[in-house]
C-alpha cells in the first residue's frame, strides 16, 4: 500500500455536502470507478493511494482547494482472501 496525504482545514467549520456523485463499470468485469465532488472545510489538501492484495484494491486520489473536494477512485470489487493469497471465490 502506498498512501500520501496532506490537508489543511478550517477548524471552525464543519461543512460537508455532496455536490455530484457518479460511478460506473469498466471493460474489466471486476473493476469500477467512482467520482465525487463535495463541499467541505478544507483550505488546501491532496491525497493519493495505491493498494494491492486487499479488499477493494486499486488507485485513488483527491484534491481539496478552498472548500471544494474532488475524489476519484478506480478499484476492484472483489475481496482478498489472506489465507489462500488470492481473490475470494463465491459459490
C-alpha atoms as a PDB file:
ATOM      1  CA  UNK A   1       0.000   0.000   0.000  1.00  0.00           C
ATOM      2  CA  UNK A   2       1.188   3.457  -0.904  1.00  0.00           C
ATOM      3  CA  UNK A   3      -0.562   6.412   0.721  1.00  0.00           C
ATOM      4  CA  UNK A   4       0.478  10.065   0.608  1.00  0.00           C
ATOM      5  CA  UNK A   5      -1.697  12.803   2.087  1.00  0.00           C
ATOM      6  CA  UNK A   6      -1.667  16.439   3.141  1.00  0.00           C
ATOM      7  CA  UNK A   7      -4.588  18.547   4.348  1.00  0.00           C
ATOM      8  CA  UNK A   8      -5.072  21.949   5.925  1.00  0.00           C
ATOM      9  CA  UNK A   9      -8.638  22.509   7.166  1.00  0.00           C
ATOM     10  CA  UNK A  10     -10.619  25.339   8.715  1.00  0.00           C
ATOM     11  CA  UNK A  11     -11.047  24.272  12.380  1.00  0.00           C
ATOM     12  CA  UNK A  12     -14.134  26.493  12.796  1.00  0.00           C
ATOM     13  CA  UNK A  13     -16.132  24.844  10.022  1.00  0.00           C
ATOM     14  CA  UNK A  14     -17.939  21.515   9.901  1.00  0.00           C
ATOM     15  CA  UNK A  15     -19.360  21.967   6.409  1.00  0.00           C
ATOM     16  CA  UNK A  16     -19.839  18.842   4.310  1.00  0.00           C
ATOM     17  CA  UNK A  17     -22.204  18.216   1.428  1.00  0.00           C
ATOM     18  CA  UNK A  18     -22.036  16.097  -1.706  1.00  0.00           C
ATOM     19  CA  UNK A  19     -22.499  18.176  -4.852  1.00  0.00           C
ATOM     20  CA  UNK A  20     -22.003  15.499  -7.526  1.00  0.00           C
ATOM     21  CA  UNK A  21     -21.533  11.744  -7.447  1.00  0.00           C
ATOM     22  CA  UNK A  22     -21.073   9.311 -10.337  1.00  0.00           C
ATOM     23  CA  UNK A  23     -19.802   5.741 -10.583  1.00  0.00           C
ATOM     24  CA  UNK A  24     -19.657   3.014 -13.172  1.00  0.00           C
ATOM     25  CA  UNK A  25     -18.256  -0.188 -14.573  1.00  0.00           C
ATOM     26  CA  UNK A  26     -15.209  -0.572 -16.782  1.00  0.00           C
ATOM     27  CA  UNK A  27     -14.230  -3.009 -19.548  1.00  0.00           C
ATOM     28  CA  UNK A  28     -12.999  -5.416 -16.853  1.00  0.00           C
ATOM     29  CA  UNK A  29     -15.832  -7.219 -15.017  1.00  0.00           C
ATOM     30  CA  UNK A  30     -14.273  -6.645 -11.557  1.00  0.00           C
ATOM     31  CA  UNK A  31     -13.141  -3.029 -11.944  1.00  0.00           C
ATOM     32  CA  UNK A  32     -15.229   0.021 -11.109  1.00  0.00           C
ATOM     33  CA  UNK A  33     -14.732   3.774 -10.753  1.00  0.00           C
ATOM     34  CA  UNK A  34     -16.211   6.494  -8.539  1.00  0.00           C
ATOM     35  CA  UNK A  35     -16.114  10.275  -8.871  1.00  0.00           C
ATOM     36  CA  UNK A  36     -17.368  12.540  -6.082  1.00  0.00           C
ATOM     37  CA  UNK A  37     -17.354  16.323  -5.766  1.00  0.00           C
ATOM     38  CA  UNK A  38     -18.042  17.743  -2.294  1.00  0.00           C
ATOM     39  CA  UNK A  39     -18.078  20.999  -0.372  1.00  0.00           C
ATOM     40  CA  UNK A  40     -16.052  20.650   2.815  1.00  0.00           C
ATOM     41  CA  UNK A  41     -13.982  22.605   5.335  1.00  0.00           C
ATOM     42  CA  UNK A  42     -10.590  22.076   3.660  1.00  0.00           C
ATOM     43  CA  UNK A  43      -8.430  25.019   2.724  1.00  0.00           C
ATOM     44  CA  UNK A  44      -5.929  23.017   0.709  1.00  0.00           C
ATOM     45  CA  UNK A  45      -5.056  19.332   0.520  1.00  0.00           C
ATOM     46  CA  UNK A  46      -4.455  16.248  -1.557  1.00  0.00           C
ATOM     47  CA  UNK A  47      -4.077  12.514  -1.195  1.00  0.00           C
ATOM     48  CA  UNK A  48      -3.031   9.684  -3.452  1.00  0.00           C
ATOM     49  CA  UNK A  49      -3.138   5.973  -2.736  1.00  0.00           C
ATOM     50  CA  UNK A  50      -2.468   2.661  -4.409  1.00  0.00           C
ATOM     51  CA  UNK A  51      -3.334  -0.685  -2.823  1.00  0.00           C
ATOM     52  CA  UNK A  52      -2.811  -4.318  -3.804  1.00  0.00           C
ATOM     53  CA  UNK A  53      -3.799  -7.656  -2.294  1.00  0.00           C
ATOM     54  CA  UNK A  54      -6.551  -6.325  -0.059  1.00  0.00           C
ATOM     55  CA  UNK A  55     -10.319  -5.817  -0.250  1.00  0.00           C
ATOM     56  CA  UNK A  56     -11.309  -3.349  -2.990  1.00  0.00           C
ATOM     57  CA  UNK A  57      -7.699  -2.755  -4.024  1.00  0.00           C
ATOM     58  CA  UNK A  58      -6.992  -0.018  -6.538  1.00  0.00           C
ATOM     59  CA  UNK A  59      -5.931   3.549  -7.163  1.00  0.00           C
ATOM     60  CA  UNK A  60      -7.392   6.788  -5.867  1.00  0.00           C
ATOM     61  CA  UNK A  61      -6.679  10.466  -5.442  1.00  0.00           C
ATOM     62  CA  UNK A  62      -8.392  13.550  -4.146  1.00  0.00           C
ATOM     63  CA  UNK A  63      -7.736  17.262  -4.381  1.00  0.00           C
ATOM     64  CA  UNK A  64      -9.063  19.840  -1.899  1.00  0.00           C
ATOM     65  CA  UNK A  65      -8.987  23.561  -2.565  1.00  0.00           C
ATOM     66  CA  UNK A  66     -10.878  26.425  -0.839  1.00  0.00           C
ATOM     67  CA  UNK A  67     -13.717  24.270   0.463  1.00  0.00           C
ATOM     68  CA  UNK A  68     -14.109  22.007  -2.560  1.00  0.00           C
ATOM     69  CA  UNK A  69     -13.057  18.367  -2.849  1.00  0.00           C
ATOM     70  CA  UNK A  70     -12.723  16.187  -5.952  1.00  0.00           C
ATOM     71  CA  UNK A  71     -12.304  12.494  -5.189  1.00  0.00           C
ATOM     72  CA  UNK A  72     -11.649   9.772  -7.804  1.00  0.00           C
ATOM     73  CA  UNK A  73     -11.318   6.011  -7.201  1.00  0.00           C
ATOM     74  CA  UNK A  74     -10.557   3.114  -9.557  1.00  0.00           C
ATOM     75  CA  UNK A  75     -10.915  -0.144  -7.652  1.00  0.00           C
ATOM     76  CA  UNK A  76     -11.540  -3.883  -7.708  1.00  0.00           C
ATOM     77  CA  UNK A  77     -14.918  -5.046  -6.399  1.00  0.00           C
ATOM     78  CA  UNK A  78     -13.622  -8.350  -5.036  1.00  0.00           C
ATOM     79  CA  UNK A  79     -12.430  -9.272  -1.557  1.00  0.00           C
ATOM     80  CA  UNK A  80      -8.941 -10.600  -0.862  1.00  0.00           C
ATOM     81  CA  UNK A  81      -8.532 -13.957   0.902  1.00  0.00           C
ATOM     82  CA  UNK A  82      -5.421 -13.662   3.091  1.00  0.00           C
ATOM     83  CA  UNK A  83      -5.251 -17.383   3.841  1.00  0.00           C
ATOM     84  CA  UNK A  84      -5.066 -18.506   0.193  1.00  0.00           C
ATOM     85  CA  UNK A  85      -3.347 -15.387  -1.181  1.00  0.00           C
ATOM     86  CA  UNK A  86      -5.930 -14.840  -3.932  1.00  0.00           C
ATOM     87  CA  UNK A  87      -9.280 -13.218  -4.593  1.00  0.00           C
ATOM     88  CA  UNK A  88     -12.185 -14.874  -2.811  1.00  0.00           C
ATOM     89  CA  UNK A  89     -14.499 -17.029  -4.917  1.00  0.00           C
ATOM     90  CA  UNK A  90     -18.149 -17.493  -4.088  1.00  0.00           C
ATOM     91  CA  UNK A  91     -20.308 -20.479  -4.985  1.00  0.00           C
END
